Protein backbone atom coordinates (compact mmCIF):
# COMPACT_ATOMS: atom_id res chain seq x y z
CA MET A 1 110.41 106.00 79.76
CA THR A 2 113.73 104.28 79.04
CA MET A 3 114.10 101.67 76.29
CA ASN A 4 117.29 99.59 76.22
CA TRP A 5 119.17 97.51 73.68
CA THR A 6 122.40 95.86 74.84
CA VAL A 7 124.95 94.91 72.19
CA ILE A 8 128.30 93.70 73.56
CA ALA A 9 131.20 93.49 71.12
CA GLY A 10 132.56 89.97 70.83
CA ILE A 11 129.85 88.50 73.08
CA SER A 12 126.41 89.28 71.62
CA ASN A 13 125.65 86.77 68.88
CA PRO A 14 123.32 87.61 65.96
CA MET A 15 120.25 86.13 67.70
CA ASP A 16 120.94 88.17 70.87
CA LYS A 17 121.21 91.29 68.75
CA ILE A 18 118.01 90.57 66.81
CA VAL A 19 115.91 89.75 69.88
CA GLY A 20 117.11 92.92 71.60
CA TYR A 21 116.62 95.00 68.45
CA GLN A 22 113.08 93.79 67.81
CA GLY A 23 112.23 94.29 71.48
CA LEU A 24 113.49 97.86 71.28
CA LEU A 25 111.46 98.58 68.13
CA ALA A 26 108.34 97.12 69.79
CA ALA A 27 108.88 99.37 72.82
CA MET A 28 109.38 102.42 70.59
CA ARG A 29 106.19 101.64 68.66
CA ALA A 30 104.17 101.14 71.84
CA PHE A 31 105.45 104.42 73.29
CA VAL A 32 104.67 106.46 70.17
CA SER A 33 101.34 104.84 69.28
CA VAL A 34 99.64 105.86 72.52
CA GLY A 35 101.02 109.41 72.77
CA GLY A 36 99.97 110.23 76.30
CA ASN A 37 101.36 112.46 79.02
CA VAL A 38 105.02 111.40 78.74
CA PRO A 39 106.31 113.52 75.87
CA ASN A 40 109.83 112.08 75.63
CA GLY A 41 111.45 108.69 75.89
CA THR A 42 115.08 107.67 76.16
CA ILE A 43 116.64 105.01 73.94
CA GLN A 44 119.91 103.52 75.17
CA ILE A 45 122.22 101.32 73.11
CA ASN A 46 124.35 99.77 75.84
CA GLN A 47 127.73 98.15 75.29
CA THR A 48 128.01 96.31 78.62
CA ALA A 49 125.83 93.91 80.57
CA GLY A 50 123.62 95.51 83.19
CA ASN A 51 122.90 98.51 80.94
CA GLU A 52 125.86 100.42 82.35
CA PRO A 53 127.92 102.94 80.36
CA PRO A 54 129.41 103.21 77.81
CA ARG A 55 126.24 103.78 75.85
CA THR A 56 124.71 105.78 73.04
CA THR A 57 121.62 107.69 74.18
CA LEU A 58 118.83 109.14 72.07
CA GLN A 59 115.99 111.37 73.25
CA MET A 60 112.81 110.66 71.26
CA THR A 61 109.43 112.39 71.37
CA ASN A 62 106.19 110.43 71.40
CA ASN A 63 105.24 112.18 68.15
CA ASN A 64 106.26 110.24 65.00
CA PHE A 65 109.45 108.81 66.58
CA THR A 66 111.19 112.19 66.26
CA VAL A 67 114.69 112.06 67.79
CA VAL A 68 115.71 115.45 69.19
CA GLN A 69 119.00 114.61 70.92
CA VAL A 70 121.84 112.11 70.60
CA ASN A 71 124.14 111.81 73.62
CA SER A 72 122.57 114.99 75.08
CA ASN A 73 123.44 116.95 71.93
CA VAL A 74 120.52 118.59 70.10
CA ILE A 75 120.43 117.36 66.50
CA ASN A 76 119.04 118.64 63.24
CA TYR A 77 116.68 115.93 62.02
CA ASN A 78 118.09 115.28 58.56
CA TYR A 79 120.00 112.63 56.65
CA SER A 80 123.21 112.37 54.66
CA ASP A 81 122.53 112.61 50.93
CA PRO A 82 123.29 110.11 49.64
CA ALA A 83 122.67 107.98 52.69
CA PRO A 84 125.72 105.93 53.73
CA THR A 85 126.17 102.19 54.01
CA PHE A 86 125.92 100.47 57.38
CA ALA A 87 128.16 97.51 58.30
CA THR A 88 125.87 95.75 60.77
CA ALA A 89 128.60 93.43 62.05
CA GLY A 90 130.03 96.41 63.93
CA ILE A 91 126.87 97.71 65.61
CA ALA A 92 128.44 97.62 69.08
CA ALA A 93 131.08 100.15 68.08
CA ALA A 94 129.21 101.99 65.31
CA PHE A 95 128.04 104.97 67.35
CA PRO A 96 129.61 107.55 69.66
CA VAL A 97 129.11 107.12 73.39
CA GLY A 98 129.06 109.43 76.40
CA ASN A 99 128.54 113.07 75.40
CA VAL A 100 130.11 112.75 71.95
CA ASN A 101 128.05 114.22 69.11
CA PRO A 102 127.50 111.87 66.15
CA THR A 103 128.80 112.71 62.69
CA GLN A 104 126.21 113.25 59.97
CA ASP A 105 126.70 109.68 58.69
CA GLN A 106 126.51 108.20 62.22
CA LYS A 107 123.30 110.13 62.84
CA THR A 108 121.85 108.88 59.54
CA ARG A 109 122.71 105.28 60.45
CA LEU A 110 121.13 105.64 63.90
CA LEU A 111 117.93 107.15 62.54
CA TYR A 112 117.53 104.52 59.82
CA LEU A 113 118.32 101.67 62.24
CA LEU A 114 115.86 102.90 64.86
CA VAL A 115 113.35 105.49 63.66
CA GLU A 116 112.87 104.40 60.06
CA ALA A 117 112.78 100.72 61.05
CA ALA A 118 110.18 101.49 63.73
CA ARG A 119 108.08 103.19 61.05
CA SER A 120 108.57 100.50 58.40
CA LYS A 121 108.41 96.70 58.61
CA VAL A 122 110.23 96.55 55.26
CA ILE A 123 113.21 98.48 56.64
CA GLU A 124 113.11 96.51 59.91
CA ASP A 125 113.22 93.24 57.97
CA ALA A 126 116.21 94.47 55.94
CA PHE A 127 118.12 95.23 59.14
CA VAL A 128 117.15 91.95 60.79
CA THR A 129 118.43 90.02 57.76
CA ALA A 130 121.64 92.06 57.69
CA ILE A 131 122.27 91.65 61.42
CA THR A 132 121.74 87.89 61.09
CA THR A 133 124.43 87.61 58.43
CA GLY A 134 126.66 90.54 59.41
CA ALA A 135 125.94 92.15 56.05
CA VAL A 136 126.27 95.74 54.92
CA VAL A 137 123.05 97.69 54.33
CA ASN A 138 123.08 100.35 51.63
CA LEU A 139 120.75 102.87 53.26
CA SER A 140 120.27 104.78 50.00
CA THR A 141 118.37 101.75 48.69
CA TYR A 142 115.67 102.43 51.30
CA SER A 143 115.50 106.21 50.84
CA PRO A 144 112.41 105.97 48.57
CA LEU A 145 110.51 104.29 51.42
CA VAL A 146 111.68 106.96 53.86
CA LYS A 147 110.56 109.73 51.50
CA ALA A 148 107.20 108.03 50.93
CA TYR A 149 106.40 107.52 54.63
CA ALA A 150 103.95 110.36 55.28
CA HIS A 151 102.22 110.01 51.89
CA THR A 152 101.83 106.27 52.41
CA CYS A 153 100.46 106.72 55.94
CA ASN A 154 97.89 109.20 54.67
CA LEU A 155 96.87 106.90 51.82
CA VAL A 156 96.33 103.86 54.07
CA HIS A 157 94.80 105.87 56.94
CA ILE A 158 97.58 105.50 59.49
CA THR A 159 98.12 108.44 61.83
CA VAL A 160 101.59 109.87 61.19
CA ALA A 161 102.01 111.36 64.67
CA HIS A 162 100.97 108.20 66.54
CA PRO A 163 101.00 105.31 64.06
CA GLU A 164 99.07 102.24 65.15
CA ARG A 165 101.48 99.95 63.30
CA PRO A 166 104.53 100.11 61.04
CA LEU A 167 104.01 100.34 57.30
CA ALA A 168 104.08 97.02 55.45
CA ALA A 169 105.07 96.20 51.87
CA ALA A 170 101.41 96.22 50.78
CA ASP A 171 101.05 99.80 52.07
CA TYR A 172 103.99 101.00 50.01
CA CYS A 173 102.66 99.13 46.98
CA ALA A 174 99.34 100.97 47.35
CA TYR A 175 101.24 104.27 47.34
CA ALA A 176 103.45 103.26 44.42
CA ALA A 177 100.30 102.44 42.41
CA THR A 178 99.37 106.15 42.60
CA LEU A 179 102.65 107.28 41.00
CA PRO A 180 103.06 107.72 37.23
CA GLU A 181 104.63 104.85 35.31
CA GLY A 182 108.39 105.10 34.97
CA THR A 183 108.82 107.27 38.08
CA PRO A 184 112.11 106.30 39.79
CA ASP A 185 110.44 106.13 43.22
CA LYS A 186 107.65 103.92 41.84
CA GLU A 187 110.18 101.54 40.33
CA ALA A 188 112.29 101.48 43.49
CA ILE A 189 109.28 100.84 45.76
CA ASN A 190 107.95 98.13 43.45
CA SER A 191 111.33 96.42 43.50
CA LEU A 192 111.85 96.68 47.27
CA CYS A 193 108.33 95.60 48.17
CA GLY A 194 107.63 93.03 45.46
CA CYS A 195 104.67 94.98 44.15
CA PRO A 196 102.68 93.43 41.30
């Protein structure tokens, strides 16, 4: 299965980018939620109309949105620490194309933009807002949500391997409520998700 998002520098306006981005996330979620006989899907971020090269290509399994390759290069699934910022105004040129391997920071940006946003409505909404305004996203801000993903899924009875839906703010708040008072992750989640 191939899932496409076309972002053309100087041509795609913010609404074009958002519609394409949300369509891609919906396709990723549908692919992963059902599991099934097709173990891998291909995500293409295209830079020209007609979905022709140049493009950035990711190979993703149908298990928990796990990306195993970027541009045909096998990757270690990990993030920069601290996570970098992401200038969303430059999405069209933010990632390597062809067979070029991403840097650690480029890989982190790709995985947050796609995988973590597919897992989390809170992270998706942050990217949609940033793409609309051309803002910079500090990915480190969202690291507590990324770290809490599996625990939160288990708490709210969402299957980690094939989630039926992305996590919402209320899900993270339920998880944060289980953490001791004063815990940095609890405070960060409460702030990000508007927990009571």
